[in-house]
Structure formats: structure tokens, C-alpha cells
Amino acid sequence: MAKDVLEKVFIAWGGSQRLAALVGQKISALGFDPIVGGGSPTELFIGTQVFSQIRSCTRAVILVNGEGMEASPGFGLNDNLMFEWGYITGTYSPNKLHVFLIDTSVKDLPSDLGGSWATEVSTAELDVEEIADVIVAAFQKDATRHVELDKLKIMHMWEDIKRYLDTHDTSPQCSDIELAQYLIHTAEVCDYYMEEEYAEALLNKAHPTSSILSFAILLLKANIRLALETNGLATSLPFDSFTELRAVFETKFDFSYQDEEFDLWMRYFTTRRLSLLYRLVSLNDDFAEDERKALLESALSFLKEAGAILDEISSRISSDSAYVNLYRGYVERDKFRVFVAFGMQEEASTSNAAALVAKEAFYLTYKEKYPHDTYMIRQLAQEYYRSLAERMEFITDVTEKLVIRKTLMSFLSKLDKDSGRQHAVLQELRKMLG
């Protein structure tokens, strides 16, 4: 089994190679994978290997020695370190850069580095081991700090996410845990773009070194298989596939020690997929009525659990409240379909209304934030209007039903117009090809 690596870290140093090596050893014990770079002041050439090492990492530690500890002239700022520092700054985001000034201060840095955020470390009465401990403690605090992700933006970044996945083994653009989050939060986007086969190929070529990314990839591949075998969740799921996929989504995990919020989202993801498995396998014709009912009851139980997880996410993560509407819409519509299958009209009406509210809220939020993302807006609109069409079954007011019907006809007219344009182009192409 591969070493469970949190993140690869490049260590640049000037002055004390011994300190750099100790820092590397200590952060390795914390689960990071360090690469100690740099060189002596006489080694004035930085080879392509160093650049490759920097590109293979997603975080960096820069150690700058002042007068107190194995210092070299220029406060440990030899040519190699300066060059590496510049290249690192252009490669990583600022929150992935950890600069430590040992027995010196920011004001002593050259003017072009004066704006750098750095931690000042005093070596007074400390040996090299203790200095390394101080540096590593500060690094761990910053490197493991939770970073709030804009999940609507992640949905908008599908093309970038595919590129991140494609290059992750050689030139990672983000850490494993970040990529894991990107993948989980774009699972539905992949379905909207109908790029399951392409995404699966990218997932198959990845070689993650962390358990959290390995598990995220496992879940995404299972999710793709579920979509492909059910024609986009529209047809029944073969029973053998149900058994195999259930084993994946029932896998026990706990990543709360790395990120409690993401652990919650993964719990939602697996729970809702389990509900889909039970509902879709129940569509097979070879089940007796009591067997089908038992499967649907299991689906409903998982849906209630998924809804409770979304409630917990909303209460704990206020910034995700608008984003949660996307998934609440899925859960409530799935409950609506189960209640319809049970003949529970009142409960079906309640879930349909809740799905409609959630889908409309998310659709309008996304449309306002990314007005030029016409493809995703259209997909979200179709989701919303489908639930609106389903609402008509529960409406008795003639006027309200008429308004909904006119609204749906207007939306369909726009779709027909767009598809008509596409159809005209296709017809022309076919004509040109004889």
C-alpha cells in the first residue's frame, strides 16, 4: 500500500543544510512528503531537476538563516535560494508558502522581498533540534488550517478540474485533499456534461499517494458506473452491479482528522448514492411487491439520513447554505419519487414542493453568479422546470396550473429554438457529407 501522504513539500534553504534535513524528517513524521532542495553558496546553477522537484510539490518551506546559526554571507540568501524563492512564488499560491527567517527579520530582506509574509525565529539558547521543532510546529499549524472553498466556483471550474486531474501525478496544481474535494463537488457537473467516459479515463490514470484522494477516486468511479449502467439514473440497475456498488458506498471511512467539513460532504455523497442504488434496483421486474417495498423503504431511510447530513452542513457551515440547495433538491425529488411509488400522495406533494423551492433557489443563485455559463444554467433550469412540471399533479387551482403550463411552454419554446439552430447546422453537415 502506498504511503499516505498529506502533501508534497519542497524545502528551500540557505545557510544550514542540517536544519533543512531535520525539518524534512519532522514534517515527514506528520504525514507530509518532503523534498530538501537547495545547495551550498558555491553551487550557482540550479538544474532542471530542482525545477521538476518544485513542480512536483504543492507547498514549500523556505529557511533563511541570519547571523546566529551556520550563517552564510547575505543572511543565507545565496543565489540558489533567491532563484528558488522566486520560482516558488510564481508556482504556488501565497497560502502554500511558509517562510522562516532565522535570527533575522523581514526588514533585513532585500526590498523586492520586503512584502513577504514570514515567521521570525530566534535561536537564542536553542539547539538545532529545538529550532527545527519550533519551525515544524508553526508549519503544521498553518499547513493543516482549514481552507474555505467556494463550491459554486468549483462547479464552474469543470475544465480546470479535468486538467488538475490529468496533471496531478507530474505537476500537481493542488494538494490531494483539495483535488478530492474538487472531484466530489463536481460529480454532478460531470453528469451534466455527459463526460463520464472521459472522466473515468482520467481517474484510471491517476496514482494518488493519499487515502483521501484514493477514496474520492474510488467513489467517483463507482458513481460513473452507476450513471452509465442506468442511462443517467433513468433505468433499472442490474442486481449484480447493485451488490458491487453497494460494497463501495458502504465502505467505512473517517477523514474528520483532516477536514471535518469535507468528511461531512463525503458522508452525504455516499449516503445519497446508497439511496439511489436501492431505488434503481427496485425498478427491476423480477421482484415481488413486498421485496420492492423493502428496497424502497431502504432508499427512503438513506434519503432521510442524507437530508439530516445536509441540515448539519447548513448549521455548521454558513457559507454553504446556498450551495446545499443543489443537493437538497436532489434528495427531496428522490423522496418524491419514492412516495409516488408507495402511493403516498400527501408526502409526495410535500417533497415535490421542497424540491421545487431548493432547485429554484440554487438555479437563481448560480445564474446570478455565473450569468455567462449558459450550459450549466440550462442544465439547472431543466432540473427546476422538471420539478415544476411534476408540481402540476398536486395543484387544483386552475389559474395557478395555467400559469405553470404557460411557463413550461415558454421554456420549452426557447429550448426548441436553440436545438433547432443546432439541428440546422447538423443537417448542413450531413448534406455536405452526402
Protein backbone atom coordinates (compact mmCIF):
# COMPACT_ATOMS: atom_id res chain seq x y z
CA MET A 1 0.00 0.00 0.00
CA ALA A 2 1.26 3.46 -0.92
CA LYS A 3 2.40 5.83 1.77
CA ASP A 4 -0.47 8.01 2.92
CA VAL A 5 0.85 11.46 2.02
CA LEU A 6 -0.94 14.64 3.01
CA GLU A 7 1.05 16.85 0.65
CA LYS A 8 4.47 17.04 -1.00
CA VAL A 9 6.60 19.86 0.40
CA PHE A 10 9.69 21.43 -1.15
CA ILE A 11 12.24 22.74 1.37
CA ALA A 12 14.50 25.53 0.16
CA TRP A 13 17.33 26.59 2.47
CA GLY A 14 20.25 28.94 2.76
CA GLY A 15 22.86 28.55 5.46
CA SER A 16 22.16 25.27 7.25
CA GLN A 17 21.56 22.06 5.34
CA ARG A 18 21.43 20.20 8.65
CA LEU A 19 18.44 22.27 9.79
CA ALA A 20 16.69 21.71 6.44
CA ALA A 21 17.19 17.97 6.74
CA LEU A 22 15.82 17.94 10.30
CA VAL A 23 12.76 19.94 9.28
CA GLY A 24 12.22 17.47 6.45
CA GLN A 25 12.41 14.49 8.81
CA LYS A 26 9.98 16.05 11.28
CA ILE A 27 7.31 17.06 8.74
CA SER A 28 7.63 13.59 7.21
CA ALA A 29 6.60 12.16 10.58
CA LEU A 30 3.47 14.35 10.34
CA GLY A 31 2.45 12.72 7.06
CA PHE A 32 3.98 15.13 4.55
CA ASP A 33 6.41 14.09 1.83
CA PRO A 34 9.40 16.49 1.92
CA ILE A 35 11.96 17.16 -0.80
CA VAL A 36 15.01 19.02 0.52
CA GLY A 37 16.40 21.18 -2.26
CA GLY A 38 18.90 24.00 -2.27
CA GLY A 39 22.67 23.75 -2.23
CA SER A 40 25.82 25.36 -0.97
CA PRO A 41 26.61 29.00 -1.82
CA THR A 42 29.18 27.84 -4.36
CA GLU A 43 26.64 25.90 -6.38
CA LEU A 44 25.40 28.75 -8.52
CA PHE A 45 23.49 26.69 -11.07
CA ILE A 46 20.02 25.37 -10.49
CA GLY A 47 19.41 22.37 -12.66
CA THR A 48 16.17 21.27 -14.26
CA GLN A 49 15.87 18.61 -11.57
CA VAL A 50 15.22 21.27 -8.92
CA PHE A 51 12.54 22.90 -11.03
CA SER A 52 10.96 19.49 -11.56
CA GLN A 53 11.05 18.88 -7.81
CA ILE A 54 9.35 22.21 -7.12
CA ARG A 55 6.64 21.47 -9.72
CA SER A 56 6.06 18.04 -8.19
CA CYS A 57 5.20 19.65 -4.84
CA THR A 58 2.24 21.77 -3.81
CA ARG A 59 3.67 23.50 -0.75
CA ALA A 60 7.06 24.98 0.17
CA VAL A 61 9.15 25.82 3.23
CA ILE A 62 11.89 28.44 2.83
CA LEU A 63 14.57 28.61 5.53
CA VAL A 64 16.61 31.81 5.65
CA ASN A 65 19.48 31.88 8.15
CA GLY A 66 20.70 35.08 9.73
CA GLU A 67 23.78 35.60 11.85
CA GLY A 68 23.14 33.14 14.61
CA MET A 69 23.33 29.72 13.04
CA GLU A 70 25.71 28.41 10.43
CA ALA A 71 25.07 31.61 8.55
CA SER A 72 26.48 32.39 5.17
CA PRO A 73 27.09 35.92 3.92
CA GLY A 74 23.89 37.68 2.90
CA PHE A 75 21.70 36.18 5.60
CA GLY A 76 21.56 32.82 3.86
CA LEU A 77 20.26 34.42 0.68
CA ASN A 78 22.65 32.80 -1.76
CA ASP A 79 21.89 32.85 -5.46
CA ASN A 80 20.33 29.42 -5.46
CA LEU A 81 17.92 30.24 -2.65
CA MET A 82 16.94 33.55 -4.23
CA PHE A 83 16.24 31.83 -7.54
CA GLU A 84 14.28 29.04 -5.91
CA TRP A 85 12.31 31.54 -3.84
CA GLY A 86 11.33 33.47 -6.95
CA TYR A 87 10.32 30.32 -8.83
CA ILE A 88 8.34 29.01 -5.86
CA THR A 89 6.49 32.32 -5.50
CA GLY A 90 5.42 32.11 -9.14
CA THR A 91 4.38 28.45 -8.79
CA TYR A 92 2.43 28.25 -5.52
CA SER A 93 -0.36 30.36 -4.09
CA PRO A 94 0.67 32.54 -1.11
CA ASN A 95 -1.10 30.29 1.42
CA LYS A 96 1.16 27.40 0.32
CA LEU A 97 4.40 29.28 1.06
CA HIS A 98 5.99 29.12 4.54
CA VAL A 99 8.99 31.42 5.02
CA PHE A 100 11.07 31.25 8.20
CA LEU A 101 13.62 33.97 8.99
CA ILE A 102 16.13 32.57 11.46
CA ASP A 103 17.85 35.25 13.59
CA THR A 104 16.81 37.96 11.17
CA SER A 105 13.69 39.98 10.39
CA VAL A 106 11.56 40.95 7.43
CA LYS A 107 13.09 44.45 7.40
CA ASP A 108 16.51 42.88 6.69
CA LEU A 109 15.28 41.24 3.49
CA PRO A 110 16.05 42.76 0.09
CA SER A 111 13.49 45.35 -0.99
CA ASP A 112 11.86 43.03 -3.56
CA LEU A 113 11.15 40.51 -0.79
CA GLY A 114 10.13 43.04 1.82
CA GLY A 115 6.45 42.32 1.37
CA SER A 116 6.84 38.61 2.08
CA TRP A 117 4.83 37.08 4.90
CA ALA A 118 7.31 35.30 7.14
CA THR A 119 7.78 33.85 10.62
CA GLU A 120 10.77 35.16 12.55
CA VAL A 121 12.59 32.53 14.60
CA SER A 122 15.16 33.29 17.30
CA THR A 123 17.79 30.63 18.03
CA ALA A 124 18.76 32.07 21.43
CA GLU A 125 19.56 29.20 23.83
CA LEU A 126 18.15 26.64 21.37
CA ASP A 127 19.99 23.79 19.69
CA VAL A 128 19.33 22.82 16.08
CA GLU A 129 16.82 20.12 17.09
CA GLU A 130 14.77 22.60 19.11
CA ILE A 131 14.89 25.15 16.29
CA ALA A 132 13.53 22.54 13.90
CA ASP A 133 10.73 21.78 16.39
CA VAL A 134 9.74 25.46 16.51
CA ILE A 135 9.66 25.68 12.70
CA VAL A 136 7.72 22.45 12.25
CA ALA A 137 5.13 23.41 14.89
CA ALA A 138 4.46 26.70 13.07
CA PHE A 139 4.37 24.92 9.71
CA GLN A 140 1.91 22.29 10.94
CA LYS A 141 -0.44 24.94 12.32
CA ASP A 142 -0.55 26.80 9.01
CA ALA A 143 -0.46 23.79 6.68
CA THR A 144 -3.35 21.99 8.34
CA ARG A 145 -5.55 25.06 8.74
CA HIS A 146 -8.95 24.57 7.09
CA VAL A 147 -9.31 26.46 3.83
CA GLU A 148 -12.83 27.52 2.92
CA LEU A 149 -13.62 26.58 -0.67
CA ASP A 150 -16.12 28.39 -2.89
CA LYS A 151 -18.11 25.38 -4.01
CA LEU A 152 -20.17 27.22 -6.60
CA LYS A 153 -16.88 28.30 -8.16
CA ILE A 154 -15.69 24.68 -8.14
CA MET A 155 -18.80 23.72 -10.14
CA HIS A 156 -17.88 26.46 -12.60
CA MET A 157 -14.30 25.11 -12.90
CA TRP A 158 -15.04 21.77 -14.57
CA GLU A 159 -12.49 22.30 -17.36
CA ASP A 160 -9.83 23.24 -14.80
CA ILE A 161 -10.68 20.25 -12.61
CA LYS A 162 -10.15 17.88 -15.54
CA ARG A 163 -6.75 19.47 -16.16
CA TYR A 164 -5.82 19.25 -12.46
CA LEU A 165 -6.65 15.55 -12.51
CA ASP A 166 -4.77 14.95 -15.75
CA THR A 167 -1.51 16.54 -14.48
CA HIS A 168 -1.73 15.63 -10.79
CA ASP A 169 0.91 12.88 -10.90
CA THR A 170 3.59 15.01 -12.57
CA SER A 171 2.79 18.68 -11.95
CA PRO A 172 0.08 18.92 -9.29
CA GLN A 173 -1.92 22.14 -9.19
CA CYS A 174 -3.33 21.41 -5.75
CA SER A 175 -2.93 19.02 -2.83
CA ASP A 176 -4.55 15.60 -2.70
CA ILE A 177 -7.23 16.72 -0.27
CA GLU A 178 -8.05 19.74 -2.43
CA LEU A 179 -8.35 17.58 -5.53
CA ALA A 180 -10.52 15.12 -3.61
CA GLN A 181 -12.90 17.96 -2.76
CA TYR A 182 -12.90 19.23 -6.32
CA LEU A 183 -13.87 15.78 -7.58
CA ILE A 184 -16.67 15.24 -5.07
CA HIS A 185 -18.16 18.67 -5.72
CA THR A 186 -18.12 18.24 -9.49
CA ALA A 187 -19.62 14.73 -9.61
CA GLU A 188 -22.97 16.12 -10.79
CA VAL A 189 -21.26 18.53 -13.18
CA CYS A 190 -19.60 15.56 -14.87
CA ASP A 191 -23.06 14.05 -15.34
CA TYR A 192 -24.44 17.31 -16.73
CA TYR A 193 -21.67 17.44 -19.34
CA MET A 194 -22.12 13.71 -20.11
CA GLU A 195 -18.36 13.22 -19.89
CA GLU A 196 -18.41 10.09 -17.74
CA GLU A 197 -16.15 8.02 -20.03
CA TYR A 198 -13.56 10.78 -20.35
CA ALA A 199 -13.58 11.45 -16.60
CA GLU A 200 -13.24 7.73 -15.93
CA ALA A 201 -10.15 7.59 -18.17
CA LEU A 202 -8.58 10.46 -16.22
CA LEU A 203 -9.41 8.80 -12.91
CA ASN A 204 -7.89 5.49 -14.08
CA LYS A 205 -4.55 7.10 -14.95
CA ALA A 206 -4.19 8.84 -11.57
CA HIS A 207 -1.85 7.36 -8.93
CA PRO A 208 -2.80 9.05 -5.64
CA THR A 209 -0.49 8.78 -2.63
CA SER A 210 -3.10 9.70 -0.02
CA SER A 211 -6.00 7.67 1.29
CA ILE A 212 -8.43 10.59 0.99
CA LEU A 213 -7.80 11.09 -2.74
CA SER A 214 -7.73 7.34 -3.34
CA PHE A 215 -11.13 7.03 -1.73
CA ALA A 216 -12.56 10.03 -3.59
CA ILE A 217 -11.43 8.50 -6.89
CA LEU A 218 -12.99 5.15 -5.89
CA LEU A 219 -16.30 6.90 -5.16
CA LEU A 220 -16.25 8.88 -8.41
CA LYS A 221 -15.54 5.76 -10.49
CA ALA A 222 -18.41 3.95 -8.77
CA ASN A 223 -20.66 6.95 -9.37
CA ILE A 224 -19.75 6.98 -13.07
CA ARG A 225 -20.52 3.27 -13.32
CA LEU A 226 -23.89 3.89 -11.67
CA ALA A 227 -24.73 6.61 -14.19
CA LEU A 228 -23.62 4.58 -17.21
CA GLU A 229 -25.45 1.41 -16.20
CA THR A 230 -28.73 3.23 -15.56
CA ASN A 231 -28.71 5.59 -18.54
CA GLY A 232 -28.21 8.63 -16.35
CA LEU A 233 -30.25 7.26 -13.38
CA ALA A 234 -33.26 6.75 -15.66
CA THR A 235 -33.45 2.93 -15.87
CA SER A 236 -33.16 -0.05 -13.55
CA LEU A 237 -29.84 -1.13 -12.04
CA PRO A 238 -28.74 -4.76 -12.56
CA PHE A 239 -28.65 -6.66 -9.29
CA ASP A 240 -25.00 -7.74 -9.62
CA SER A 241 -23.99 -4.11 -10.13
CA PHE A 242 -26.12 -3.14 -7.14
CA THR A 243 -24.20 -5.57 -4.92
CA GLU A 244 -20.78 -4.42 -6.11
CA LEU A 245 -21.55 -0.70 -5.93
CA ARG A 246 -23.18 -1.04 -2.53
CA ALA A 247 -19.93 -2.52 -1.19
CA VAL A 248 -18.10 0.64 -2.36
CA PHE A 249 -20.57 3.16 -0.96
CA GLU A 250 -20.87 1.25 2.33
CA THR A 251 -17.10 1.46 2.90
CA LYS A 252 -16.37 2.81 6.37
CA PHE A 253 -14.24 5.96 6.46
CA ASP A 254 -13.29 8.81 8.76
CA PHE A 255 -11.40 11.77 7.36
CA SER A 256 -12.55 14.18 10.05
CA TYR A 257 -8.97 14.35 11.38
CA GLN A 258 -8.01 16.01 8.10
CA ASP A 259 -11.10 18.06 7.38
CA GLU A 260 -14.34 17.73 9.36
CA GLU A 261 -16.40 19.62 6.82
CA PHE A 262 -15.25 17.54 3.88
CA ASP A 263 -15.87 14.39 5.91
CA LEU A 264 -19.49 15.54 6.22
CA TRP A 265 -19.79 16.09 2.48
CA MET A 266 -18.39 12.63 1.77
CA ARG A 267 -20.92 11.16 4.21
CA TYR A 268 -23.68 12.91 2.27
CA PHE A 269 -22.26 11.70 -1.05
CA THR A 270 -22.11 8.03 -0.05
CA THR A 271 -25.48 8.08 1.74
CA ARG A 272 -27.36 9.56 -1.19
CA ARG A 273 -25.72 7.09 -3.57
CA LEU A 274 -26.88 4.23 -1.38
CA SER A 275 -30.41 5.58 -1.66
CA LEU A 276 -30.08 5.67 -5.45
CA LEU A 277 -28.85 2.08 -5.53
CA TYR A 278 -31.87 0.80 -3.61
CA ARG A 279 -34.38 2.86 -5.60
CA LEU A 280 -32.93 1.99 -9.01
CA VAL A 281 -32.53 -1.73 -8.30
CA SER A 282 -36.19 -1.80 -7.20
CA LEU A 283 -37.17 -0.93 -10.80
CA ASN A 284 -36.28 -4.46 -11.94
CA ASP A 285 -39.31 -6.53 -12.92
CA ASP A 286 -38.29 -9.73 -11.14
CA PHE A 287 -39.07 -8.51 -7.62
CA ALA A 288 -42.21 -9.42 -5.73
CA GLU A 289 -44.21 -6.47 -4.44
CA ASP A 290 -43.11 -6.96 -0.81
CA GLU A 291 -39.46 -7.19 -1.94
CA ARG A 292 -39.80 -3.99 -3.97
CA LYS A 293 -41.40 -2.26 -0.99
CA ALA A 294 -38.50 -3.30 1.29
CA LEU A 295 -35.97 -1.90 -1.20
CA LEU A 296 -37.86 1.39 -1.44
CA GLU A 297 -38.07 1.64 2.34
CA SER A 298 -34.28 1.28 2.49
CA ALA A 299 -33.96 4.00 -0.16
CA LEU A 300 -36.20 6.30 1.88
CA SER A 301 -34.22 5.63 5.05
CA PHE A 302 -30.98 6.64 3.33
CA LEU A 303 -32.64 9.74 1.89
CA LYS A 304 -33.74 10.86 5.35
CA GLU A 305 -30.18 10.32 6.58
CA ALA A 306 -28.79 12.31 3.64
CA GLY A 307 -31.21 15.14 4.43
CA ALA A 308 -30.08 15.15 8.07
CA ILE A 309 -26.44 15.42 6.94
CA LEU A 310 -27.35 18.41 4.75
CA ASP A 311 -29.06 20.01 7.75
CA GLU A 312 -25.87 19.52 9.76
CA ILE A 313 -23.77 21.03 6.97
CA SER A 314 -26.08 24.06 6.76
CA SER A 315 -25.93 24.65 10.51
CA ARG A 316 -22.15 24.22 10.76
CA ILE A 317 -21.03 25.85 7.52
CA SER A 318 -22.99 29.04 6.92
CA SER A 319 -21.10 29.78 3.69
CA ASP A 320 -22.50 26.55 2.18
CA SER A 321 -26.15 27.40 2.81
CA ALA A 322 -26.88 28.42 -0.80
CA TYR A 323 -24.82 25.56 -2.21
CA VAL A 324 -26.67 23.00 -0.08
CA ASN A 325 -29.85 23.80 -2.04
CA LEU A 326 -28.49 21.90 -5.03
CA TYR A 327 -28.29 18.66 -3.06
CA ARG A 328 -31.43 19.27 -1.04
CA GLY A 329 -33.24 19.48 -4.37
CA TYR A 330 -31.87 16.06 -5.34
CA VAL A 331 -32.82 14.48 -2.01
CA GLU A 332 -36.35 15.89 -1.95
CA ARG A 333 -37.06 14.88 -5.55
CA ASP A 334 -35.80 11.36 -4.82
CA LYS A 335 -38.11 11.24 -1.79
CA PHE A 336 -40.94 12.46 -4.01
CA ARG A 337 -40.37 9.55 -6.40
CA VAL A 338 -40.30 7.01 -3.57
CA PHE A 339 -43.52 8.41 -2.08
CA VAL A 340 -45.19 8.23 -5.50
CA ALA A 341 -44.15 4.58 -5.75
CA PHE A 342 -45.74 3.99 -2.32
CA GLY A 343 -48.92 5.85 -3.34
CA MET A 344 -48.36 8.38 -0.53
CA GLN A 345 -49.73 11.45 -2.30
CA GLU A 346 -49.58 13.91 0.61
CA GLU A 347 -45.95 13.10 1.38
CA ALA A 348 -45.13 13.18 -2.34
CA SER A 349 -46.64 16.65 -2.62
CA THR A 350 -44.63 17.92 0.36
CA SER A 351 -41.34 16.59 -1.04
CA ASN A 352 -42.11 17.91 -4.51
CA ALA A 353 -42.74 21.39 -3.07
CA ALA A 354 -39.49 21.25 -1.08
CA ALA A 355 -37.54 20.08 -4.15
CA LEU A 356 -39.01 22.90 -6.22
CA VAL A 357 -38.04 25.55 -3.66
CA ALA A 358 -34.47 24.22 -3.35
CA LYS A 359 -33.93 23.81 -7.10
CA GLU A 360 -35.26 27.29 -7.86
CA ALA A 361 -33.06 28.85 -5.17
CA PHE A 362 -29.91 27.18 -6.45
CA TYR A 363 -30.73 27.82 -10.10
CA LEU A 364 -31.21 31.55 -9.48
CA THR A 365 -28.10 31.76 -7.28
CA TYR A 366 -25.88 30.12 -9.88
CA LYS A 367 -27.42 32.12 -12.72
CA GLU A 368 -26.73 35.38 -10.87
CA LYS A 369 -23.12 34.45 -10.02
CA TYR A 370 -22.15 32.97 -13.40
CA PRO A 371 -24.51 34.55 -15.96
CA HIS A 372 -22.25 33.61 -18.88
CA ASP A 373 -22.13 29.88 -18.02
CA THR A 374 -25.04 29.18 -20.35
CA TYR A 375 -24.57 25.42 -20.48
CA MET A 376 -24.76 24.86 -16.71
CA ILE A 377 -27.58 27.40 -16.38
CA ARG A 378 -29.57 25.45 -18.96
CA GLN A 379 -28.98 22.16 -17.15
CA LEU A 380 -30.06 23.63 -13.82
CA ALA A 381 -33.07 25.24 -15.48
CA GLN A 382 -34.16 21.88 -16.88
CA GLU A 383 -33.90 20.35 -13.40
CA TYR A 384 -36.04 23.13 -11.95
CA TYR A 385 -38.70 23.08 -14.68
CA ARG A 386 -38.99 19.30 -14.48
CA SER A 387 -39.90 19.60 -10.81
CA LEU A 388 -42.28 22.43 -11.70
CA ALA A 389 -43.98 20.14 -14.23
CA GLU A 390 -44.29 17.44 -11.57
CA ARG A 391 -45.92 20.04 -9.32
CA MET A 392 -48.94 20.30 -11.61
CA GLU A 393 -50.22 16.93 -10.41
CA PHE A 394 -50.82 18.39 -6.94
CA ILE A 395 -52.35 21.73 -7.91
CA THR A 396 -56.10 22.17 -8.03
CA ASP A 397 -56.24 25.92 -8.64
CA VAL A 398 -56.98 26.37 -12.35
CA THR A 399 -55.25 29.74 -12.65
CA GLU A 400 -52.07 28.58 -10.96
CA LYS A 401 -51.96 25.46 -13.12
CA LEU A 402 -52.41 27.63 -16.23
CA VAL A 403 -49.51 29.89 -15.19
CA ILE A 404 -47.24 26.88 -14.71
CA ARG A 405 -48.26 25.42 -18.06
CA LYS A 406 -47.54 28.71 -19.86
CA THR A 407 -44.19 28.99 -18.06
CA LEU A 408 -43.20 25.50 -19.13
CA MET A 409 -44.28 26.09 -22.71
CA SER A 410 -42.20 29.27 -22.83
CA PHE A 411 -39.13 27.43 -21.55
CA LEU A 412 -39.62 24.57 -24.00
CA SER A 413 -40.02 27.04 -26.84
CA LYS A 414 -36.61 28.51 -26.03
CA LEU A 415 -35.09 25.03 -25.91
CA ASP A 416 -36.67 24.12 -29.23
CA LYS A 417 -35.29 27.30 -30.76
CA ASP A 418 -31.78 26.53 -29.55
CA SER A 419 -31.96 22.89 -30.60
CA GLY A 420 -33.39 23.97 -33.95
CA ARG A 421 -30.32 26.07 -34.59
CA GLN A 422 -28.12 23.09 -33.72
CA HIS A 423 -30.27 20.84 -35.89
CA ALA A 424 -29.84 23.18 -38.87
CA VAL A 425 -26.07 23.02 -38.55
CA LEU A 426 -26.16 19.24 -38.27
CA GLN A 427 -28.39 18.97 -41.33
CA GLU A 428 -25.95 21.12 -43.28
CA LEU A 429 -23.04 18.94 -42.23
CA ARG A 430 -24.91 15.79 -43.23
CA LYS A 431 -25.73 17.34 -46.59
CA MET A 432 -22.09 18.25 -47.19
CA LEU A 433 -21.09 14.67 -46.40
CA GLY A 434 -23.59 13.34 -48.96
